[in-house]
Protein backbone atom coordinates (compact mmCIF):
# COMPACT_ATOMS: atom_id res chain seq x y z
CA MET A 1 50.77 -33.81 -35.42
CA ARG A 2 48.14 -35.42 -37.63
CA ASP A 3 50.36 -38.48 -38.07
CA CYS A 4 50.72 -38.64 -34.32
CA SER A 5 46.95 -38.52 -33.84
CA ARG A 6 46.37 -41.23 -36.47
CA LEU A 7 48.90 -43.51 -34.85
CA SER A 8 47.29 -42.96 -31.48
CA ARG A 9 43.80 -43.74 -32.78
CA ARG A 10 45.02 -46.92 -34.47
CA ALA A 11 46.84 -47.94 -31.34
CA VAL A 12 43.73 -47.33 -29.26
CA LEU A 13 41.66 -49.41 -31.68
CA GLY A 14 44.20 -52.21 -31.39
CA LEU A 15 44.14 -52.00 -27.63
CA THR A 16 40.34 -52.06 -27.72
CA ALA A 17 40.40 -55.30 -29.72
CA ALA A 18 42.94 -56.78 -27.32
CA ALA A 19 40.82 -55.80 -24.34
CA LEU A 20 37.59 -57.31 -25.70
CA PRO A 21 38.15 -60.70 -23.99
CA LEU A 22 38.29 -58.87 -20.65
CA SER A 23 35.05 -56.99 -21.16
CA ALA A 24 33.36 -59.96 -22.79
CA ALA A 25 34.23 -62.13 -19.78
CA ALA A 26 31.88 -60.18 -17.53
CA PRO A 27 28.62 -61.11 -19.32
CA ALA A 28 29.82 -64.72 -19.68
CA ALA A 29 30.47 -64.96 -15.93
CA ALA A 30 27.05 -63.49 -15.26
CA ALA A 31 25.24 -66.17 -17.28
CA GLU A 32 22.12 -67.56 -15.63
CA PRO A 33 22.87 -70.26 -13.05
CA ALA A 34 21.27 -73.65 -13.30
CA VAL A 35 17.85 -74.05 -11.71
CA ILE A 36 17.80 -77.30 -9.79
CA GLY A 37 14.48 -79.13 -9.94
CA GLY A 38 12.82 -77.11 -12.67
CA GLU A 39 12.38 -73.57 -13.92
CA ARG A 40 9.23 -72.85 -11.90
CA LEU A 41 11.11 -73.35 -8.67
CA ALA A 42 13.25 -70.33 -9.55
CA ARG A 43 10.22 -68.04 -9.57
CA THR A 44 9.20 -65.97 -6.61
CA GLY A 45 5.78 -66.41 -5.07
CA VAL A 46 3.52 -69.44 -4.68
CA GLN A 47 3.92 -72.17 -7.28
CA VAL A 48 1.06 -74.69 -7.55
CA ARG A 49 -0.88 -76.29 -10.42
CA GLY A 50 -4.09 -78.28 -10.60
CA ALA A 51 -4.97 -78.06 -6.91
CA THR A 52 -6.57 -75.52 -4.65
CA GLY A 53 -7.06 -75.04 -0.94
CA LEU A 54 -3.55 -74.06 0.11
CA PRO A 55 -3.48 -72.85 3.73
CA LYS A 56 -4.16 -69.14 3.97
CA LYS A 57 -2.08 -68.39 7.04
CA LEU A 58 1.40 -68.96 5.64
CA ASP A 59 3.84 -66.20 6.51
CA ALA A 60 7.11 -68.11 6.13
CA ARG A 61 9.76 -66.62 3.87
CA SER A 62 10.11 -69.96 2.07
CA TRP A 63 8.36 -73.33 2.06
CA LEU A 64 8.02 -76.47 -0.05
CA VAL A 65 5.80 -79.58 -0.21
CA ALA A 66 7.08 -82.70 -1.98
CA ASP A 67 6.24 -86.37 -2.45
CA CYS A 68 9.04 -88.33 -0.80
CA GLU A 69 8.85 -91.37 -3.10
CA SER A 70 8.44 -89.73 -6.50
CA GLY A 71 10.31 -86.56 -5.69
CA GLU A 72 7.58 -84.40 -7.23
CA VAL A 73 7.34 -80.89 -5.77
CA LEU A 74 3.62 -80.32 -5.29
CA ALA A 75 3.77 -76.69 -4.22
CA SER A 76 6.39 -74.18 -3.18
CA PHE A 77 7.09 -70.61 -2.21
CA ASN A 78 10.54 -69.15 -2.92
CA ALA A 79 11.98 -72.67 -3.00
CA HIS A 80 15.55 -71.61 -3.79
CA ARG A 81 15.71 -68.56 -1.56
CA ARG A 82 18.96 -68.78 0.40
CA LEU A 83 18.39 -68.37 4.13
CA ALA A 84 20.13 -69.26 7.37
CA PRO A 85 19.25 -72.93 8.05
CA ALA A 86 19.93 -73.19 11.79
CA SER A 87 20.02 -76.78 13.08
CA THR A 88 18.17 -78.21 10.10
CA LEU A 89 21.67 -78.27 8.55
CA LYS A 90 22.38 -81.14 10.93
CA MET A 91 20.44 -83.32 8.45
CA LEU A 92 23.31 -82.82 6.00
CA PHE A 93 25.82 -83.49 8.78
CA ALA A 94 24.11 -86.79 9.57
CA ASP A 95 23.78 -87.75 5.92
CA THR A 96 27.52 -87.16 5.53
CA VAL A 97 28.91 -88.78 8.69
CA LEU A 98 26.31 -91.25 9.98
CA ALA A 99 27.46 -94.31 7.99
CA LYS A 100 31.11 -93.94 9.06
CA PHE A 101 30.71 -95.37 12.55
CA GLU A 102 28.93 -98.36 14.02
CA ARG A 103 26.21 -97.60 16.56
CA THR A 104 28.10 -99.61 19.21
CA ASP A 105 31.45 -97.86 18.71
CA ARG A 106 32.61 -96.09 21.87
CA HIS A 107 34.46 -92.81 22.31
CA ARG A 108 35.94 -91.22 25.42
CA VAL A 109 35.40 -87.47 25.11
CA THR A 110 38.32 -85.10 25.60
CA ASP A 111 38.50 -81.37 26.24
CA ALA A 112 39.73 -80.92 22.66
CA ASP A 113 36.53 -82.48 21.33
CA LEU A 114 34.52 -79.68 22.94
CA ALA A 115 36.92 -76.77 22.54
CA ASP A 116 35.45 -75.21 19.39
CA ILE A 117 31.73 -75.20 20.21
CA PRO A 118 30.21 -71.74 19.53
CA ALA A 119 29.17 -69.79 22.61
CA GLY A 120 25.41 -69.94 23.13
CA SER A 121 25.02 -73.34 21.49
CA SER A 122 22.33 -75.77 22.52
CA LEU A 123 23.93 -78.67 24.39
CA VAL A 124 22.87 -82.17 25.25
CA GLY A 125 25.27 -82.27 28.21
CA ILE A 126 28.40 -84.12 27.08
CA LYS A 127 31.30 -84.03 29.55
CA PRO A 128 35.02 -84.73 29.07
CA GLY A 129 36.19 -88.02 30.54
CA ILE A 130 32.90 -89.85 29.93
CA THR A 131 32.71 -92.59 27.31
CA TYR A 132 29.71 -92.49 24.97
CA THR A 133 28.51 -94.87 22.31
CA VAL A 134 28.03 -93.55 18.79
CA GLU A 135 24.33 -94.25 19.18
CA GLN A 136 24.16 -91.97 22.24
CA LEU A 137 26.03 -89.21 20.41
CA TRP A 138 23.57 -89.34 17.50
CA GLN A 139 20.68 -89.26 19.95
CA GLY A 140 22.21 -86.07 21.29
CA VAL A 141 22.31 -84.66 17.76
CA PHE A 142 18.79 -85.61 16.69
CA LEU A 143 16.84 -85.28 19.92
CA ARG A 144 18.44 -82.29 21.64
CA SER A 145 20.18 -80.71 18.64
CA GLY A 146 23.33 -80.80 20.74
CA ASN A 147 26.23 -78.95 19.19
CA ASP A 148 28.49 -80.70 21.69
CA ALA A 149 27.46 -84.06 20.20
CA VAL A 150 28.02 -82.71 16.67
CA HIS A 151 31.53 -81.52 17.49
CA VAL A 152 32.51 -84.78 19.17
CA LEU A 153 31.41 -86.72 16.09
CA ALA A 154 33.14 -84.20 13.82
CA HIS A 155 36.41 -84.70 15.71
CA MET A 156 35.96 -88.45 15.48
CA ASN A 157 35.60 -87.89 11.72
CA GLY A 158 38.97 -86.13 11.49
CA GLY A 159 38.09 -82.62 12.60
CA VAL A 160 35.64 -79.82 11.99
CA ALA A 161 37.37 -78.51 8.84
CA LYS A 162 37.43 -81.96 7.24
CA THR A 163 33.80 -82.54 8.14
CA VAL A 164 32.71 -79.18 6.72
CA ALA A 165 34.52 -79.97 3.45
CA GLU A 166 32.84 -83.37 3.27
CA MET A 167 29.43 -81.83 3.96
CA GLN A 168 29.94 -79.31 1.17
CA ALA A 169 30.97 -82.10 -1.19
CA ARG A 170 27.90 -84.12 -0.21
CA ALA A 171 25.66 -81.09 -0.80
CA GLU A 172 27.12 -80.71 -4.28
CA ASP A 173 26.59 -84.41 -4.99
CA LEU A 174 22.96 -84.05 -3.88
CA GLN A 175 22.79 -80.97 -6.17
CA ALA A 176 21.94 -78.82 -3.19
CA LEU A 177 23.65 -75.83 -4.74
CA ASP A 178 21.96 -73.21 -2.55
CA THR A 179 23.87 -74.55 0.44
CA HIS A 180 27.09 -73.09 1.79
CA VAL A 181 28.47 -74.90 4.84
CA VAL A 182 30.55 -73.00 7.38
CA SER A 183 30.12 -75.20 10.45
CA PRO A 184 28.73 -78.73 10.90
CA ASP A 185 26.19 -77.70 13.56
CA GLY A 186 24.16 -75.08 11.62
CA PHE A 187 24.91 -72.35 14.15
CA ASP A 188 24.79 -68.73 12.95
CA HIS A 189 27.98 -68.08 11.02
CA LYS A 190 28.61 -65.54 8.31
CA GLY A 191 27.69 -67.08 4.96
CA GLN A 192 26.06 -70.26 6.33
CA LEU A 193 23.05 -70.64 4.02
CA SER A 194 20.67 -73.17 2.55
CA SER A 195 17.14 -73.21 1.09
CA ALA A 196 13.82 -74.99 1.51
CA TYR A 197 14.64 -77.00 -1.61
CA ASP A 198 18.04 -78.11 -0.34
CA LEU A 199 16.83 -78.98 3.16
CA THR A 200 14.14 -81.16 1.59
CA LEU A 201 16.82 -82.91 -0.47
CA PHE A 202 18.79 -83.63 2.71
CA ALA A 203 15.75 -85.05 4.46
CA ARG A 204 14.71 -87.23 1.54
CA HIS A 205 18.18 -88.70 1.09
CA GLY A 206 18.77 -89.11 4.82
CA LEU A 207 15.52 -90.99 5.37
CA LYS A 208 16.79 -93.74 3.07
CA ASP A 209 19.20 -94.69 5.87
CA PRO A 210 17.43 -96.80 8.53
CA ASP A 211 19.54 -95.33 11.33
CA PHE A 212 18.83 -91.75 10.23
CA ARG A 213 15.12 -92.57 10.10
CA ALA A 214 15.19 -94.21 13.52
CA TYR A 215 17.07 -91.39 15.24
CA CYS A 216 14.88 -88.58 13.90
CA GLY A 217 11.75 -90.45 15.00
CA THR A 218 12.96 -91.17 18.55
CA ARG A 219 10.96 -89.27 21.16
CA THR A 220 12.98 -89.86 24.34
CA ALA A 221 16.25 -91.52 25.36
CA ASP A 222 18.37 -92.00 28.47
CA PHE A 223 21.66 -90.15 28.25
CA PRO A 224 24.84 -90.79 30.29
CA ALA A 225 25.53 -88.41 33.17
CA GLY A 226 28.69 -90.08 34.46
CA GLY A 227 29.17 -93.26 36.42
CA LYS A 228 25.96 -95.26 36.29
CA LYS A 229 23.75 -92.18 36.27
CA THR A 230 21.61 -91.12 33.32
CA PHE A 231 19.12 -88.40 32.54
CA GLN A 232 16.29 -88.37 30.03
CA ILE A 233 16.38 -86.26 26.91
CA GLN A 234 13.33 -85.49 24.79
CA ASN A 235 13.12 -84.72 21.09
CA THR A 236 12.64 -80.98 20.47
CA ASP A 237 10.37 -81.68 17.47
CA ARG A 238 7.01 -80.57 18.85
CA LEU A 239 4.94 -82.31 16.18
CA LEU A 240 6.60 -85.56 17.22
CA THR A 241 6.20 -85.14 20.98
CA GLY A 242 3.15 -82.89 21.24
CA ALA A 243 4.97 -80.40 23.46
CA TRP A 244 4.22 -76.73 24.07
CA GLY A 245 0.50 -76.89 23.38
CA LEU A 246 0.74 -78.76 20.09
CA GLY A 247 -0.76 -82.15 19.44
CA THR A 248 1.34 -84.88 17.85
CA TYR A 249 0.92 -85.03 14.09
CA GLU A 250 -0.59 -88.29 12.87
CA GLY A 251 1.92 -90.30 10.87
CA LEU A 252 4.92 -88.04 11.55
CA ILE A 253 8.27 -89.83 11.13
CA GLY A 254 10.72 -86.91 11.66
CA VAL A 255 12.82 -85.02 10.57
CA LYS A 256 14.66 -81.97 12.06
CA ASN A 257 13.91 -78.57 13.53
CA GLY A 258 16.13 -75.57 14.13
CA TYR A 259 16.18 -72.16 15.74
CA THR A 260 18.55 -69.23 16.09
CA SER A 261 17.84 -65.58 16.73
CA HIS A 262 19.10 -64.84 13.20
CA ALA A 263 17.45 -67.71 11.34
CA GLY A 264 14.26 -67.74 13.32
CA ASN A 265 12.50 -71.10 13.21
CA THR A 266 13.15 -73.67 10.51
CA PHE A 267 11.72 -77.15 10.18
CA THR A 268 11.63 -80.07 7.78
CA GLY A 269 9.00 -82.67 8.59
CA ALA A 270 8.00 -85.98 7.00
CA ALA A 271 4.76 -87.87 7.55
CA THR A 272 3.12 -90.97 6.13
CA ARG A 273 -0.62 -91.51 5.59
CA GLY A 274 -2.37 -94.03 3.40
CA GLY A 275 0.91 -95.40 2.13
CA ARG A 276 2.12 -91.99 0.96
CA THR A 277 4.98 -90.02 2.51
CA LEU A 278 5.19 -86.25 2.16
CA LEU A 279 8.02 -83.88 2.97
CA VAL A 280 7.48 -80.27 4.03
CA THR A 281 10.09 -77.62 4.76
CA VAL A 282 9.17 -74.27 6.31
CA MET A 283 11.75 -71.50 6.85
CA HIS A 284 11.54 -68.30 8.86
CA PRO A 285 7.83 -67.76 9.62
CA VAL A 286 7.02 -64.32 10.99
CA ALA A 287 4.88 -65.56 13.85
CA GLY A 288 6.07 -67.19 17.10
CA SER A 289 7.94 -70.42 17.71
CA ASN A 290 4.92 -72.71 17.29
CA ALA A 291 4.19 -71.21 13.85
CA VAL A 292 6.82 -73.28 12.06
CA TYR A 293 5.10 -76.46 13.28
CA GLU A 294 1.57 -75.19 12.67
CA GLN A 295 2.39 -74.16 9.12
CA THR A 296 4.19 -77.45 8.48
CA ALA A 297 1.15 -79.37 9.74
CA ALA A 298 -1.17 -77.27 7.58
CA LEU A 299 0.92 -77.93 4.47
CA LEU A 300 1.07 -81.66 5.26
CA ASP A 301 -2.73 -81.66 5.65
CA TRP A 302 -3.05 -79.93 2.28
CA GLY A 303 -0.70 -82.40 0.65
CA PHE A 304 -2.58 -85.44 1.92
CA ALA A 305 -5.97 -83.91 1.02
CA HIS A 306 -5.18 -82.27 -2.33
CA GLY A 307 -1.72 -83.46 -3.32
CA ARG A 308 -2.89 -86.24 -5.63
CA SER A 309 -4.65 -83.72 -7.84
CA ALA A 310 -1.70 -81.34 -7.90
CA GLN A 311 0.49 -81.28 -10.97
CA ALA A 312 4.18 -81.15 -10.17
CA VAL A 313 5.81 -77.73 -10.31
CA GLY A 314 9.27 -79.22 -10.00
CA ALA A 315 11.19 -82.23 -8.75
CA LEU A 316 13.68 -83.26 -6.08
CA VAL A 317 16.64 -84.30 -8.17
CA THR A 318 18.63 -87.53 -7.88
CA PRO A 319 22.18 -87.30 -6.47
CA LEU A 320 24.92 -87.29 -9.11
CA SER A 321 26.55 -90.33 -7.48
CA GLU A 322 23.29 -92.26 -7.97
CA GLY A 323 22.97 -91.44 -11.66
CA GLY A 324 21.31 -88.07 -11.43
CA ALA A 325 21.68 -85.74 -14.40
CA SER A 326 23.50 -82.44 -13.92
CA ALA A 327 21.23 -79.44 -13.96
CA THR A 328 21.01 -77.38 -17.14
CA PRO A 329 21.11 -73.58 -17.23
CA ALA A 330 17.84 -71.78 -16.67
CA PRO A 331 16.10 -69.70 -19.35
CA PRO A 332 17.39 -66.11 -19.35
CA GLY A 333 16.03 -64.00 -16.56
CA LYS A 334 14.37 -66.84 -14.65
CA ALA A 335 17.01 -68.02 -12.19
CA ALA A 336 17.98 -64.50 -11.23
CA LYS A 337 14.47 -63.92 -9.87
CA ALA A 338 14.70 -66.75 -7.36
CA ALA A 339 16.35 -64.65 -4.69
CA ALA A 340 16.91 -61.28 -6.28
CA GLY A 341 16.92 -58.53 -3.72
CA ALA A 342 15.73 -60.85 -0.96
CA PRO A 343 17.09 -60.22 2.54
CA GLY A 344 19.25 -63.04 3.79
CA THR A 345 20.18 -64.24 0.31
CA ALA A 346 23.38 -64.24 -1.65
CA SER A 347 24.20 -64.47 -5.31
CA ARG A 348 26.39 -67.31 -6.55
CA GLY A 349 27.52 -65.30 -9.55
CA PRO A 350 29.68 -62.18 -9.70
CA SER A 351 28.34 -59.07 -8.04
CA ALA A 352 27.31 -56.03 -10.03
CA LEU A 353 30.28 -54.22 -8.57
CA ARG A 354 32.59 -56.91 -9.89
CA LEU A 355 31.21 -56.37 -13.38
CA VAL A 356 31.76 -52.65 -12.99
CA GLU A 357 35.23 -53.40 -11.74
CA GLY A 358 35.93 -55.45 -14.86
CA GLY A 359 34.72 -52.61 -17.05
CA ALA A 360 36.85 -50.18 -15.12
CA GLY A 361 39.86 -52.45 -15.61
CA THR A 362 39.28 -52.45 -19.35
CA ALA A 363 39.02 -48.68 -19.35
CA ALA A 364 42.22 -48.50 -17.35
CA LEU A 365 44.01 -50.70 -19.88
CA LEU A 366 42.83 -48.55 -22.78
CA GLY A 367 43.77 -45.32 -21.04
CA ALA A 368 47.18 -46.58 -19.95
CA GLY A 369 47.99 -47.92 -23.44
CA ALA A 370 46.96 -44.72 -25.17
CA TRP A 371 48.99 -42.71 -22.69
CA ALA A 372 52.11 -44.83 -23.27
CA LEU A 373 51.95 -44.42 -27.04
CA ARG A 374 51.34 -40.71 -26.84
CA ARG A 375 54.24 -40.34 -24.48
CA LYS A 376 56.52 -41.88 -27.08
CA LEU A 377 55.16 -39.84 -29.97
CA ARG A 378 54.68 -36.50 -28.27
CA SER A 379 57.24 -34.30 -26.71
CA ARG A 380 54.79 -32.73 -24.34
CA THR A 381 54.50 -34.98 -21.29
CA ALA A 382 52.01 -32.90 -19.39
CA ALA A 383 49.04 -34.09 -21.43
CA ALA A 384 50.16 -37.67 -21.10
CA THR A 385 50.46 -37.38 -17.33
CA ALA A 386 46.94 -35.96 -17.12
CA GLY A 387 45.50 -39.15 -18.64
CA ALA A 388 47.57 -41.58 -16.64
CA ASP A 389 45.35 -42.01 -13.59
CA THR A 390 42.46 -44.27 -14.57
CA ASP A 391 41.81 -46.03 -11.25
CA ALA A 392 38.10 -46.85 -11.01
CA GLY A 393 38.08 -46.82 -7.22
CA VAL A 394 35.62 -49.76 -7.08
CA THR A 395 35.91 -52.55 -4.51
CA GLU A 396 33.97 -55.80 -4.39
CA THR A 397 31.29 -56.07 -1.73
CA GLU A 398 30.57 -59.09 0.43
CA THR A 399 27.99 -61.34 -1.27
CA GLU A 400 26.98 -63.38 1.76
CA THR A 401 24.63 -62.18 4.45
CA GLU A 402 26.11 -61.08 7.74
CA PRO A 403 24.14 -62.63 10.64
CA GLU A 404 21.98 -59.90 12.12
CA ARG A 405 22.71 -60.63 15.76
CA GLY A 406 22.12 -57.16 17.06
CA SER A 407 23.21 -57.37 20.67
CA GLY A 408 24.13 -61.02 20.14
CA ARG A 409 21.36 -62.22 22.42
CA GLU A 410 18.41 -64.45 21.85
CA ARG A 411 15.01 -62.80 21.87
CA GLY A 412 13.72 -62.50 25.42
CA SER A 413 16.40 -64.70 26.96
CA GLY A 414 19.38 -62.48 27.74
CA ARG A 415 21.55 -65.31 26.36
CA GLU A 416 23.57 -65.90 23.25
CA PRO A 417 21.54 -67.09 20.23
CA ARG A 418 20.82 -70.78 20.22
CA ASP A 419 20.52 -73.18 17.33
CA GLU A 420 17.30 -75.08 18.00
CA SER A 421 13.71 -74.15 17.35
CA GLN A 422 12.65 -73.77 20.94
CA SER A 423 11.63 -70.88 23.11
CA PRO A 424 14.39 -69.49 25.34
CA ARG A 425 13.12 -71.49 28.28
CA GLU A 426 13.10 -74.76 26.39
CA SER A 427 16.38 -74.32 24.57
CA GLY A 428 18.53 -74.32 27.67
CA GLY A 429 21.78 -76.27 27.71
CA ARG A 430 21.97 -79.33 29.91
CA HIS A 431 18.91 -81.24 31.01
CA ARG A 432 19.39 -82.56 34.52
CA ARG A 433 16.94 -84.95 35.96
């Protein structure tokens, strides 16, 4: 019996050594992810150096101020926090697809082009059977945040799935690693996420394209209604048009706003004063629909007044395809704080339950191996059977945030959630004139 016990202990030790790669894999997989743009951007809370006077009334869940030319991040708050982007994701869509078609190209819309638009989407008013120029379709995207225009262009590009894959690849090239693309329109879908940092990357890169810059700065346009009829569409960017009680912001050149009942209001704006262009992204302010514009304007004011004395707390990185260097891993413990425990965020690494699951698998291997050896060496099978069941009973949990739609209706509208940063009255579908 002693010999039997010794053999079992040796066998268990051997199994333990064999199982070490499995258990060791869990800490390796949980290594700190890279922090894009600098270690300070991974920290929670306000990040600013060398300048004072930041606006006091900032209740957004994330925001960032950056110099467009140099790429220096002048101040930020939870820059890498992953949140639902709403229609600001259309900046990535445009940056991915815009250069593929000439402005004068024409496309006759079919029912299939419009078949997969999410219910409750904001629409510019595209109809099957009407022929539109590419320029008109992009006006529908930028001015009215029309998901119908997005889907027509996506089908022209080879389909929604192909376009989503290309957008994800472009995000990775831009090193926008907080972004997970589910649909090209930014509508609320499970797992569709981005960050203030990534949205600012999209805006900065997009503004290098003259057409992108022209579209996002267009205030009004005439849109086809069939035959020789047209109707006017107006840009939903209130700092650009001065709508809904807001004045136009001096020097504003774009870029894109967004709203859904899950994401709340999101906005990335760019403005130029005194030869300097600043970018500001604001995500999910607590206050009403004008707050995203008011807080953007306040941060732009701060940047123009105090930005030259601010020392950079990070940088907007260069795309890999343009010679940008790949990000390096963050110091231990820093990157994990960027979005730890934050509502609406998701970890890119393995979940804690997965690590437990790995440990349970190792324990199962050890238990099963010891049981098999004992079964061979002992005549009594009852004891062996008692140790055979080592199932941990652990399942992996979903790491992405489920859209909190509640009743599935937009606040105060009785309608499905929409994807533009307007009040329910303003975010209606077609605009007949």
